[in-house]
Protein backbone atom coordinates (compact mmCIF):
# COMPACT_ATOMS: atom_id res chain seq x y z
CA UNK A 1 0.00 0.00 0.00
CA UNK A 2 1.21 3.50 -0.82
CA UNK A 3 0.52 6.69 1.07
CA UNK A 4 1.05 10.39 0.49
CA UNK A 5 1.80 12.75 3.34
CA UNK A 6 2.47 16.47 3.09
CA UNK A 7 2.96 19.62 5.10
CA UNK A 8 1.59 22.91 3.82
CA UNK A 9 3.07 26.23 4.92
CA UNK A 10 0.02 27.93 6.41
CA UNK A 11 1.82 31.30 6.44
CA UNK A 12 2.34 30.98 2.69
CA UNK A 13 -1.32 30.08 2.20
CA UNK A 14 -2.47 33.03 4.33
CA UNK A 15 -0.09 35.44 2.54
CA UNK A 16 -1.61 34.36 -0.76
CA UNK A 17 -5.18 34.82 0.47
CA UNK A 18 -5.98 31.11 0.44
CA UNK A 19 -8.81 29.89 2.66
CA UNK A 20 -7.22 27.09 4.71
CA UNK A 21 -10.39 25.07 5.20
CA UNK A 22 -11.22 25.25 1.52
CA UNK A 23 -7.78 24.21 0.27
CA UNK A 24 -7.64 21.21 2.62
CA UNK A 25 -11.17 20.28 1.57
CA UNK A 26 -10.25 20.63 -2.12
CA UNK A 27 -7.15 18.47 -1.63
CA UNK A 28 -9.15 15.82 0.19
CA UNK A 29 -11.79 15.73 -2.55
CA UNK A 30 -9.08 15.49 -5.23
CA UNK A 31 -7.23 12.69 -3.44
CA UNK A 32 -10.43 10.70 -2.87
CA UNK A 33 -11.29 11.02 -6.57
CA UNK A 34 -7.85 9.60 -7.41
CA UNK A 35 -7.88 6.42 -5.32
CA UNK A 36 -6.76 7.71 -1.94
CA UNK A 37 -8.56 7.62 1.38
CA UNK A 38 -8.01 10.31 4.00
CA UNK A 39 -6.40 8.74 7.07
CA UNK A 40 -5.64 11.69 9.34
CA UNK A 41 -4.26 15.20 9.09
CA UNK A 42 -2.45 15.41 5.76
CA UNK A 43 -2.05 11.65 5.32
CA UNK A 44 -3.79 9.74 2.53
CA UNK A 45 -3.63 5.97 1.97
CA UNK A 46 -3.91 4.67 -1.57
CA UNK A 47 -6.30 1.87 -2.46
CA UNK A 48 -5.33 -1.32 -4.29
CA UNK A 49 -5.15 0.54 -7.62
CA UNK A 50 -2.32 2.80 -6.44
CA UNK A 51 1.28 1.91 -7.19
CA UNK A 52 4.45 4.01 -7.10
CA UNK A 53 3.86 5.46 -10.58
CA UNK A 54 0.21 6.38 -10.02
CA UNK A 55 1.13 7.83 -6.63
CA UNK A 56 3.70 10.19 -8.16
CA UNK A 57 1.39 11.05 -11.06
CA UNK A 58 -1.42 11.89 -8.63
CA UNK A 59 0.79 14.35 -6.73
CA UNK A 60 1.91 15.95 -10.01
CA UNK A 61 -1.69 16.38 -11.16
CA UNK A 62 -2.64 17.73 -7.72
CA UNK A 63 0.12 20.34 -8.00
CA UNK A 64 -1.19 21.43 -11.42
CA UNK A 65 -4.87 21.50 -10.45
CA UNK A 66 -4.39 23.17 -7.06
CA UNK A 67 -1.54 25.66 -7.63
CA UNK A 68 -1.39 26.79 -4.00
CA UNK A 69 -0.39 23.21 -3.14
CA UNK A 70 2.69 23.47 -5.36
CA UNK A 71 3.47 27.00 -4.16
CA UNK A 72 3.07 26.39 -0.43
CA UNK A 73 3.95 22.74 0.21
CA UNK A 74 6.96 22.45 2.55
CA UNK A 75 7.29 18.69 2.39
CA UNK A 76 5.55 15.94 0.46
CA UNK A 77 6.39 12.25 0.65
CA UNK A 78 5.33 8.96 -0.82
CA UNK A 79 5.43 6.09 1.66
CA UNK A 80 5.20 2.38 1.03
CA UNK A 81 3.32 0.75 3.89
CA UNK A 82 3.82 -2.98 4.28
CA UNK A 83 1.35 -3.40 7.13
CA UNK A 84 -1.44 -1.25 8.50
CA UNK A 85 -1.92 -2.25 12.12
CA UNK A 86 -4.41 -0.54 14.41
CA UNK A 87 -2.75 0.09 17.78
CA UNK A 88 -5.91 1.28 19.53
CA UNK A 89 -6.50 -2.16 21.14
CA UNK A 90 -3.00 -1.96 22.65
CA UNK A 91 -3.83 1.41 24.21
CA UNK A 92 -7.17 0.18 25.55
CA UNK A 93 -5.41 -2.68 27.34
CA UNK A 94 -3.45 -0.25 29.51
CA UNK A 95 -6.46 1.89 30.44
C-alpha atoms as a PDB file:
ATOM      1  CA  UNK A   1       0.000   0.000   0.000  1.00  0.00           C
ATOM      2  CA  UNK A   2       1.208   3.496  -0.821  1.00  0.00           C
ATOM      3  CA  UNK A   3       0.518   6.693   1.071  1.00  0.00           C
ATOM      4  CA  UNK A   4       1.052  10.395   0.494  1.00  0.00           C
ATOM      5  CA  UNK A   5       1.800  12.749   3.339  1.00  0.00           C
ATOM      6  CA  UNK A   6       2.471  16.466   3.090  1.00  0.00           C
ATOM      7  CA  UNK A   7       2.957  19.624   5.103  1.00  0.00           C
ATOM      8  CA  UNK A   8       1.590  22.913   3.816  1.00  0.00           C
ATOM      9  CA  UNK A   9       3.068  26.228   4.922  1.00  0.00           C
ATOM     10  CA  UNK A  10       0.017  27.934   6.412  1.00  0.00           C
ATOM     11  CA  UNK A  11       1.817  31.299   6.444  1.00  0.00           C
ATOM     12  CA  UNK A  12       2.335  30.980   2.688  1.00  0.00           C
ATOM     13  CA  UNK A  13      -1.322  30.085   2.196  1.00  0.00           C
ATOM     14  CA  UNK A  14      -2.465  33.034   4.327  1.00  0.00           C
ATOM     15  CA  UNK A  15      -0.090  35.441   2.544  1.00  0.00           C
ATOM     16  CA  UNK A  16      -1.614  34.356  -0.762  1.00  0.00           C
ATOM     17  CA  UNK A  17      -5.180  34.823   0.470  1.00  0.00           C
ATOM     18  CA  UNK A  18      -5.976  31.114   0.444  1.00  0.00           C
ATOM     19  CA  UNK A  19      -8.811  29.886   2.659  1.00  0.00           C
ATOM     20  CA  UNK A  20      -7.215  27.091   4.712  1.00  0.00           C
ATOM     21  CA  UNK A  21     -10.385  25.066   5.204  1.00  0.00           C
ATOM     22  CA  UNK A  22     -11.222  25.248   1.516  1.00  0.00           C
ATOM     23  CA  UNK A  23      -7.783  24.208   0.272  1.00  0.00           C
ATOM     24  CA  UNK A  24      -7.638  21.210   2.624  1.00  0.00           C
ATOM     25  CA  UNK A  25     -11.172  20.277   1.567  1.00  0.00           C
ATOM     26  CA  UNK A  26     -10.247  20.632  -2.118  1.00  0.00           C
ATOM     27  CA  UNK A  27      -7.151  18.473  -1.632  1.00  0.00           C
ATOM     28  CA  UNK A  28      -9.148  15.816   0.189  1.00  0.00           C
ATOM     29  CA  UNK A  29     -11.786  15.731  -2.553  1.00  0.00           C
ATOM     30  CA  UNK A  30      -9.085  15.487  -5.227  1.00  0.00           C
ATOM     31  CA  UNK A  31      -7.232  12.688  -3.444  1.00  0.00           C
ATOM     32  CA  UNK A  32     -10.428  10.702  -2.870  1.00  0.00           C
ATOM     33  CA  UNK A  33     -11.287  11.021  -6.575  1.00  0.00           C
ATOM     34  CA  UNK A  34      -7.853   9.596  -7.410  1.00  0.00           C
ATOM     35  CA  UNK A  35      -7.884   6.420  -5.322  1.00  0.00           C
ATOM     36  CA  UNK A  36      -6.757   7.713  -1.941  1.00  0.00           C
ATOM     37  CA  UNK A  37      -8.560   7.621   1.381  1.00  0.00           C
ATOM     38  CA  UNK A  38      -8.011  10.308   4.000  1.00  0.00           C
ATOM     39  CA  UNK A  39      -6.395   8.744   7.066  1.00  0.00           C
ATOM     40  CA  UNK A  40      -5.642  11.689   9.345  1.00  0.00           C
ATOM     41  CA  UNK A  41      -4.257  15.203   9.089  1.00  0.00           C
ATOM     42  CA  UNK A  42      -2.452  15.410   5.755  1.00  0.00           C
ATOM     43  CA  UNK A  43      -2.045  11.648   5.320  1.00  0.00           C
ATOM     44  CA  UNK A  44      -3.789   9.739   2.533  1.00  0.00           C
ATOM     45  CA  UNK A  45      -3.635   5.969   1.974  1.00  0.00           C
ATOM     46  CA  UNK A  46      -3.905   4.672  -1.575  1.00  0.00           C
ATOM     47  CA  UNK A  47      -6.299   1.872  -2.464  1.00  0.00           C
ATOM     48  CA  UNK A  48      -5.330  -1.324  -4.286  1.00  0.00           C
ATOM     49  CA  UNK A  49      -5.146   0.536  -7.622  1.00  0.00           C
ATOM     50  CA  UNK A  50      -2.324   2.803  -6.441  1.00  0.00           C
ATOM     51  CA  UNK A  51       1.278   1.909  -7.193  1.00  0.00           C
ATOM     52  CA  UNK A  52       4.454   4.008  -7.103  1.00  0.00           C
ATOM     53  CA  UNK A  53       3.862   5.462 -10.577  1.00  0.00           C
ATOM     54  CA  UNK A  54       0.206   6.378 -10.015  1.00  0.00           C
ATOM     55  CA  UNK A  55       1.127   7.831  -6.631  1.00  0.00           C
ATOM     56  CA  UNK A  56       3.705  10.187  -8.162  1.00  0.00           C
ATOM     57  CA  UNK A  57       1.390  11.055 -11.056  1.00  0.00           C
ATOM     58  CA  UNK A  58      -1.422  11.895  -8.631  1.00  0.00           C
ATOM     59  CA  UNK A  59       0.788  14.349  -6.731  1.00  0.00           C
ATOM     60  CA  UNK A  60       1.908  15.950 -10.011  1.00  0.00           C
ATOM     61  CA  UNK A  61      -1.693  16.384 -11.156  1.00  0.00           C
ATOM     62  CA  UNK A  62      -2.638  17.733  -7.717  1.00  0.00           C
ATOM     63  CA  UNK A  63       0.123  20.343  -8.005  1.00  0.00           C
ATOM     64  CA  UNK A  64      -1.192  21.430 -11.420  1.00  0.00           C
ATOM     65  CA  UNK A  65      -4.869  21.504 -10.452  1.00  0.00           C
ATOM     66  CA  UNK A  66      -4.392  23.171  -7.060  1.00  0.00           C
ATOM     67  CA  UNK A  67      -1.542  25.660  -7.629  1.00  0.00           C
ATOM     68  CA  UNK A  68      -1.386  26.792  -4.002  1.00  0.00           C
ATOM     69  CA  UNK A  69      -0.390  23.206  -3.138  1.00  0.00           C
ATOM     70  CA  UNK A  70       2.690  23.471  -5.359  1.00  0.00           C
ATOM     71  CA  UNK A  71       3.473  26.996  -4.161  1.00  0.00           C
ATOM     72  CA  UNK A  72       3.068  26.388  -0.432  1.00  0.00           C
ATOM     73  CA  UNK A  73       3.952  22.740   0.207  1.00  0.00           C
ATOM     74  CA  UNK A  74       6.964  22.455   2.552  1.00  0.00           C
ATOM     75  CA  UNK A  75       7.295  18.694   2.395  1.00  0.00           C
ATOM     76  CA  UNK A  76       5.549  15.942   0.456  1.00  0.00           C
ATOM     77  CA  UNK A  77       6.390  12.250   0.647  1.00  0.00           C
ATOM     78  CA  UNK A  78       5.326   8.958  -0.817  1.00  0.00           C
ATOM     79  CA  UNK A  79       5.430   6.094   1.655  1.00  0.00           C
ATOM     80  CA  UNK A  80       5.198   2.379   1.028  1.00  0.00           C
ATOM     81  CA  UNK A  81       3.322   0.746   3.888  1.00  0.00           C
ATOM     82  CA  UNK A  82       3.825  -2.981   4.283  1.00  0.00           C
ATOM     83  CA  UNK A  83       1.350  -3.397   7.125  1.00  0.00           C
ATOM     84  CA  UNK A  84      -1.440  -1.254   8.497  1.00  0.00           C
ATOM     85  CA  UNK A  85      -1.923  -2.251  12.117  1.00  0.00           C
ATOM     86  CA  UNK A  86      -4.413  -0.538  14.406  1.00  0.00           C
ATOM     87  CA  UNK A  87      -2.750   0.090  17.777  1.00  0.00           C
ATOM     88  CA  UNK A  88      -5.913   1.281  19.535  1.00  0.00           C
ATOM     89  CA  UNK A  89      -6.500  -2.162  21.141  1.00  0.00           C
ATOM     90  CA  UNK A  90      -2.997  -1.957  22.654  1.00  0.00           C
ATOM     91  CA  UNK A  91      -3.828   1.407  24.205  1.00  0.00           C
ATOM     92  CA  UNK A  92      -7.171   0.175  25.550  1.00  0.00           C
ATOM     93  CA  UNK A  93      -5.410  -2.685  27.338  1.00  0.00           C
ATOM     94  CA  UNK A  94      -3.447  -0.247  29.509  1.00  0.00           C
ATOM     95  CA  UNK A  95      -6.461   1.890  30.437  1.00  0.00           C
END
